[in-house]
Amino acid sequence: MAVPAAYRTYLVDDRRTLGEMALDGQRQRNALTAAEKALAALASGDAARATRNAATAAELDQIGVFAALPEAVAAAASDLAAAGTVGEGARTLLRAALPAGPLKGLVAALPS
């Protein structure tokens, strides 16, 4: 089956697309909400809450878009603890760990 170009970003493997999987939409939305909360917690300087929410996002995520978020948030939390700001290295990790869209814009709001 040919996959339309608009859906190629969402390929799960060579044979299946998201539309062919049984996904729980509410669970995936909860993963997105947890990722948003992780970034908000970083912005407010609450590294522990950010770390918990990032772990929740990765746990609830059914398609792997937040798999790298806990590691990126841990780097940002480490920066916050050491310097009270989020360094460019951690910001780069965060941007790479987030899917395209408005979440990437929240990284710019982090303390620098």
N, C-alpha and C. Protein backbone atom coordinates (compact mmCIF):
# COMPACT_ATOMS: atom_id res chain seq x y z
N MET A 1 0.84 -1.17 0.00
CA MET A 1 0.00 0.00 0.00
C MET A 1 0.88 1.24 0.00
N ALA A 2 0.66 2.13 -0.92
CA ALA A 2 1.42 3.37 -0.97
C ALA A 2 0.93 4.31 0.12
N VAL A 3 1.86 4.94 0.80
CA VAL A 3 1.53 5.87 1.87
C VAL A 3 1.60 7.29 1.32
N PRO A 4 0.52 8.07 1.48
CA PRO A 4 0.55 9.45 1.01
C PRO A 4 1.68 10.22 1.70
N ALA A 5 2.26 11.14 0.98
CA ALA A 5 3.39 11.91 1.49
C ALA A 5 3.07 12.58 2.83
N ALA A 6 1.86 13.05 3.00
CA ALA A 6 1.50 13.75 4.23
C ALA A 6 1.59 12.86 5.46
N TYR A 7 1.52 11.53 5.28
CA TYR A 7 1.55 10.61 6.41
C TYR A 7 2.89 9.93 6.61
N ARG A 8 3.85 10.19 5.76
CA ARG A 8 5.14 9.50 5.88
C ARG A 8 5.84 9.81 7.19
N THR A 9 5.62 10.99 7.75
CA THR A 9 6.23 11.35 9.02
C THR A 9 5.79 10.40 10.11
N TYR A 10 4.60 9.85 9.99
CA TYR A 10 4.03 9.05 11.04
C TYR A 10 4.19 7.54 10.83
N LEU A 11 5.08 7.15 9.96
CA LEU A 11 5.30 5.72 9.75
C LEU A 11 5.82 5.06 11.02
N VAL A 12 5.25 3.95 11.36
CA VAL A 12 5.69 3.20 12.53
C VAL A 12 6.76 2.21 12.13
N ASP A 13 6.57 1.53 11.05
CA ASP A 13 7.60 0.68 10.47
C ASP A 13 7.32 0.60 8.97
N ASP A 14 7.96 -0.31 8.27
CA ASP A 14 7.81 -0.36 6.81
C ASP A 14 6.45 -0.85 6.35
N ARG A 15 5.68 -1.45 7.24
CA ARG A 15 4.43 -2.06 6.82
C ARG A 15 3.17 -1.39 7.37
N ARG A 16 3.29 -0.68 8.48
CA ARG A 16 2.08 -0.16 9.11
C ARG A 16 2.18 1.35 9.31
N THR A 17 1.07 2.01 9.20
CA THR A 17 0.99 3.43 9.53
C THR A 17 0.09 3.56 10.75
N LEU A 18 0.03 4.73 11.31
CA LEU A 18 -0.80 4.95 12.49
C LEU A 18 -2.25 4.59 12.23
N GLY A 19 -2.74 4.86 11.05
CA GLY A 19 -4.13 4.58 10.73
C GLY A 19 -4.46 3.10 10.78
N GLU A 20 -3.46 2.24 10.68
CA GLU A 20 -3.68 0.80 10.70
C GLU A 20 -3.47 0.22 12.09
N MET A 21 -3.10 1.02 13.06
CA MET A 21 -2.87 0.55 14.42
C MET A 21 -4.08 0.87 15.29
N ALA A 22 -4.26 0.10 16.32
CA ALA A 22 -5.29 0.38 17.30
C ALA A 22 -4.68 1.28 18.37
N LEU A 23 -4.89 2.57 18.24
CA LEU A 23 -4.34 3.52 19.20
C LEU A 23 -5.44 4.04 20.10
N ASP A 24 -5.08 4.32 21.32
CA ASP A 24 -5.99 4.95 22.26
C ASP A 24 -5.71 6.45 22.18
N GLY A 25 -6.60 7.17 21.52
CA GLY A 25 -6.40 8.60 21.32
C GLY A 25 -6.30 9.38 22.61
N GLN A 26 -7.08 9.00 23.62
CA GLN A 26 -7.02 9.72 24.89
C GLN A 26 -5.68 9.50 25.58
N ARG A 27 -5.16 8.30 25.49
CA ARG A 27 -3.85 8.02 26.09
C ARG A 27 -2.76 8.86 25.42
N GLN A 28 -2.80 8.96 24.09
CA GLN A 28 -1.80 9.75 23.39
C GLN A 28 -1.96 11.23 23.73
N ARG A 29 -3.19 11.69 23.88
CA ARG A 29 -3.44 13.08 24.28
C ARG A 29 -2.89 13.33 25.68
N ASN A 30 -3.05 12.35 26.56
CA ASN A 30 -2.50 12.48 27.91
C ASN A 30 -0.97 12.55 27.88
N ALA A 31 -0.36 11.82 26.95
CA ALA A 31 1.10 11.90 26.79
C ALA A 31 1.50 13.31 26.37
N LEU A 32 0.76 13.88 25.45
CA LEU A 32 1.03 15.25 25.00
C LEU A 32 0.87 16.23 26.16
N THR A 33 -0.18 16.07 26.93
CA THR A 33 -0.42 16.95 28.08
C THR A 33 0.71 16.82 29.09
N ALA A 34 1.18 15.61 29.34
CA ALA A 34 2.30 15.41 30.27
C ALA A 34 3.57 16.08 29.75
N ALA A 35 3.80 16.03 28.44
CA ALA A 35 4.97 16.71 27.86
C ALA A 35 4.85 18.22 28.04
N GLU A 36 3.65 18.76 27.81
CA GLU A 36 3.42 20.19 28.02
C GLU A 36 3.68 20.57 29.48
N LYS A 37 3.21 19.74 30.39
CA LYS A 37 3.41 20.00 31.82
C LYS A 37 4.89 19.93 32.20
N ALA A 38 5.63 19.03 31.56
CA ALA A 38 7.07 18.93 31.83
C ALA A 38 7.77 20.22 31.44
N LEU A 39 7.41 20.76 30.27
CA LEU A 39 8.03 22.01 29.83
C LEU A 39 7.61 23.19 30.70
N ALA A 40 6.34 23.21 31.12
CA ALA A 40 5.86 24.27 32.01
C ALA A 40 6.59 24.22 33.36
N ALA A 41 6.82 23.00 33.84
CA ALA A 41 7.53 22.84 35.11
C ALA A 41 8.97 23.33 34.98
N LEU A 42 9.62 23.03 33.87
CA LEU A 42 10.97 23.56 33.65
C LEU A 42 10.96 25.08 33.63
N ALA A 43 9.97 25.65 32.96
CA ALA A 43 9.87 27.11 32.86
C ALA A 43 9.70 27.75 34.23
N SER A 44 9.02 27.04 35.13
CA SER A 44 8.82 27.59 36.48
C SER A 44 9.94 27.20 37.44
N GLY A 45 10.91 26.43 36.96
CA GLY A 45 12.05 26.05 37.78
C GLY A 45 11.84 24.82 38.64
N ASP A 46 10.77 24.08 38.40
CA ASP A 46 10.47 22.88 39.20
C ASP A 46 11.00 21.64 38.47
N ALA A 47 12.25 21.33 38.71
CA ALA A 47 12.90 20.23 38.01
C ALA A 47 12.29 18.87 38.36
N ALA A 48 11.90 18.67 39.61
CA ALA A 48 11.34 17.37 40.01
C ALA A 48 10.01 17.12 39.30
N ARG A 49 9.16 18.13 39.24
CA ARG A 49 7.87 17.97 38.56
C ARG A 49 8.09 17.76 37.06
N ALA A 50 9.05 18.47 36.49
CA ALA A 50 9.37 18.32 35.07
C ALA A 50 9.81 16.89 34.76
N THR A 51 10.65 16.34 35.62
CA THR A 51 11.15 14.99 35.44
C THR A 51 10.02 13.97 35.52
N ARG A 52 9.13 14.13 36.49
CA ARG A 52 7.99 13.21 36.63
C ARG A 52 7.08 13.28 35.41
N ASN A 53 6.79 14.48 34.94
CA ASN A 53 5.89 14.62 33.79
C ASN A 53 6.52 14.11 32.51
N ALA A 54 7.82 14.28 32.35
CA ALA A 54 8.50 13.75 31.16
C ALA A 54 8.44 12.22 31.16
N ALA A 55 8.64 11.62 32.32
CA ALA A 55 8.55 10.16 32.42
C ALA A 55 7.14 9.68 32.11
N THR A 56 6.14 10.42 32.57
CA THR A 56 4.75 10.07 32.27
C THR A 56 4.47 10.17 30.78
N ALA A 57 4.98 11.23 30.15
CA ALA A 57 4.77 11.40 28.71
C ALA A 57 5.35 10.22 27.94
N ALA A 58 6.55 9.81 28.29
CA ALA A 58 7.19 8.69 27.60
C ALA A 58 6.45 7.38 27.87
N GLU A 59 5.95 7.22 29.08
CA GLU A 59 5.24 5.99 29.44
C GLU A 59 3.91 5.88 28.69
N LEU A 60 3.18 6.98 28.58
CA LEU A 60 1.87 6.96 27.93
C LEU A 60 1.96 6.96 26.40
N ASP A 61 3.06 7.46 25.88
CA ASP A 61 3.25 7.61 24.44
C ASP A 61 3.20 6.25 23.75
N GLN A 62 2.35 6.13 22.75
CA GLN A 62 2.17 4.86 22.04
C GLN A 62 2.94 4.80 20.73
N ILE A 63 3.49 5.91 20.29
CA ILE A 63 4.13 5.93 18.97
C ILE A 63 5.58 6.39 19.02
N GLY A 64 6.10 6.64 20.20
CA GLY A 64 7.51 6.95 20.34
C GLY A 64 7.92 8.39 20.16
N VAL A 65 6.97 9.31 20.06
CA VAL A 65 7.36 10.71 19.83
C VAL A 65 7.97 11.35 21.07
N PHE A 66 7.73 10.80 22.26
CA PHE A 66 8.28 11.37 23.48
C PHE A 66 9.32 10.45 24.13
N ALA A 67 9.84 9.50 23.39
CA ALA A 67 10.78 8.53 23.94
C ALA A 67 12.05 9.18 24.49
N ALA A 68 12.52 10.23 23.85
CA ALA A 68 13.76 10.89 24.27
C ALA A 68 13.52 12.04 25.24
N LEU A 69 12.27 12.32 25.56
CA LEU A 69 11.97 13.47 26.42
C LEU A 69 12.53 13.34 27.83
N PRO A 70 12.44 12.18 28.50
CA PRO A 70 12.99 12.11 29.85
C PRO A 70 14.49 12.46 29.92
N GLU A 71 15.25 11.99 28.98
CA GLU A 71 16.69 12.30 28.97
C GLU A 71 16.93 13.79 28.75
N ALA A 72 16.17 14.38 27.83
CA ALA A 72 16.33 15.81 27.54
C ALA A 72 15.92 16.66 28.74
N VAL A 73 14.83 16.27 29.39
CA VAL A 73 14.38 17.01 30.58
C VAL A 73 15.38 16.85 31.72
N ALA A 74 15.97 15.67 31.85
CA ALA A 74 17.00 15.46 32.88
C ALA A 74 18.19 16.39 32.66
N ALA A 75 18.59 16.58 31.42
CA ALA A 75 19.69 17.51 31.12
C ALA A 75 19.30 18.94 31.48
N ALA A 76 18.08 19.33 31.15
CA ALA A 76 17.62 20.67 31.47
C ALA A 76 17.49 20.85 32.99
N ALA A 77 17.01 19.83 33.67
CA ALA A 77 16.88 19.88 35.13
C ALA A 77 18.25 20.01 35.79
N SER A 78 19.22 19.32 35.24
CA SER A 78 20.59 19.42 35.76
C SER A 78 21.12 20.83 35.60
N ASP A 79 20.87 21.43 34.44
CA ASP A 79 21.28 22.82 34.21
C ASP A 79 20.60 23.76 35.21
N LEU A 80 19.29 23.55 35.41
CA LEU A 80 18.56 24.40 36.36
C LEU A 80 19.14 24.30 37.76
N ALA A 81 19.46 23.08 38.18
CA ALA A 81 20.00 22.88 39.52
C ALA A 81 21.38 23.53 39.66
N ALA A 82 22.18 23.46 38.62
CA ALA A 82 23.54 23.97 38.69
C ALA A 82 23.63 25.48 38.50
N ALA A 83 22.82 26.01 37.58
CA ALA A 83 23.00 27.42 37.21
C ALA A 83 21.72 28.25 37.27
N GLY A 84 20.58 27.60 37.48
CA GLY A 84 19.32 28.33 37.50
C GLY A 84 18.80 28.69 36.12
N THR A 85 19.48 28.17 35.09
CA THR A 85 19.06 28.41 33.71
C THR A 85 19.18 27.10 32.93
N VAL A 86 18.60 27.09 31.74
CA VAL A 86 18.71 25.93 30.86
C VAL A 86 19.68 26.29 29.75
N GLY A 87 20.77 25.58 29.67
CA GLY A 87 21.81 25.88 28.69
C GLY A 87 21.42 25.47 27.28
N GLU A 88 22.19 25.93 26.33
CA GLU A 88 21.89 25.68 24.93
C GLU A 88 21.97 24.20 24.59
N GLY A 89 22.87 23.46 25.22
CA GLY A 89 22.95 22.02 24.96
C GLY A 89 21.67 21.30 25.36
N ALA A 90 21.14 21.64 26.52
CA ALA A 90 19.89 21.03 26.97
C ALA A 90 18.72 21.48 26.10
N ARG A 91 18.74 22.73 25.67
CA ARG A 91 17.69 23.23 24.78
C ARG A 91 17.70 22.46 23.45
N THR A 92 18.88 22.19 22.95
CA THR A 92 19.00 21.43 21.70
C THR A 92 18.43 20.01 21.89
N LEU A 93 18.76 19.39 23.02
CA LEU A 93 18.21 18.06 23.32
C LEU A 93 16.69 18.11 23.42
N LEU A 94 16.16 19.13 24.07
CA LEU A 94 14.71 19.25 24.20
C LEU A 94 14.04 19.42 22.84
N ARG A 95 14.60 20.30 22.00
CA ARG A 95 14.00 20.50 20.67
C ARG A 95 14.03 19.20 19.86
N ALA A 96 15.12 18.45 19.99
CA ALA A 96 15.23 17.18 19.25
C ALA A 96 14.27 16.12 19.80
N ALA A 97 13.93 16.21 21.08
CA ALA A 97 13.07 15.21 21.72
C ALA A 97 11.59 15.49 21.51
N LEU A 98 11.26 16.62 20.92
CA LEU A 98 9.86 17.01 20.74
C LEU A 98 9.45 16.91 19.28
N PRO A 99 8.19 16.54 19.04
CA PRO A 99 7.71 16.51 17.65
C PRO A 99 7.55 17.92 17.12
N ALA A 100 7.48 18.04 15.82
CA ALA A 100 7.24 19.35 15.20
C ALA A 100 5.93 19.90 15.72
N GLY A 101 5.89 21.20 15.95
CA GLY A 101 4.67 21.81 16.43
C GLY A 101 4.92 22.78 17.56
N PRO A 102 3.86 23.16 18.25
CA PRO A 102 3.94 24.21 19.25
C PRO A 102 4.80 23.87 20.48
N LEU A 103 5.00 22.59 20.78
CA LEU A 103 5.82 22.26 21.94
C LEU A 103 7.24 22.79 21.78
N LYS A 104 7.75 22.76 20.58
CA LYS A 104 9.11 23.27 20.36
C LYS A 104 9.21 24.74 20.73
N GLY A 105 8.13 25.49 20.53
CA GLY A 105 8.12 26.90 20.89
C GLY A 105 8.22 27.13 22.38
N LEU A 106 7.77 26.17 23.17
CA LEU A 106 7.83 26.32 24.63
C LEU A 106 9.27 26.26 25.13
N VAL A 107 10.14 25.66 24.37
CA VAL A 107 11.55 25.58 24.77
C VAL A 107 12.16 26.98 24.86
N ALA A 108 11.72 27.87 23.97
CA ALA A 108 12.23 29.24 23.97
C ALA A 108 11.85 29.99 25.25
N ALA A 109 10.80 29.57 25.94
CA ALA A 109 10.34 30.25 27.15
C ALA A 109 11.09 29.81 28.40
N LEU A 110 12.00 28.85 28.27
CA LEU A 110 12.73 28.36 29.44
C LEU A 110 13.74 29.39 29.91
N PRO A 111 14.04 29.39 31.22
CA PRO A 111 15.01 30.35 31.75
C PRO A 111 16.37 30.23 31.08
N SER A 112 16.90 31.37 30.67
CA SER A 112 18.24 31.35 30.05
C SER A 112 19.13 32.41 30.64
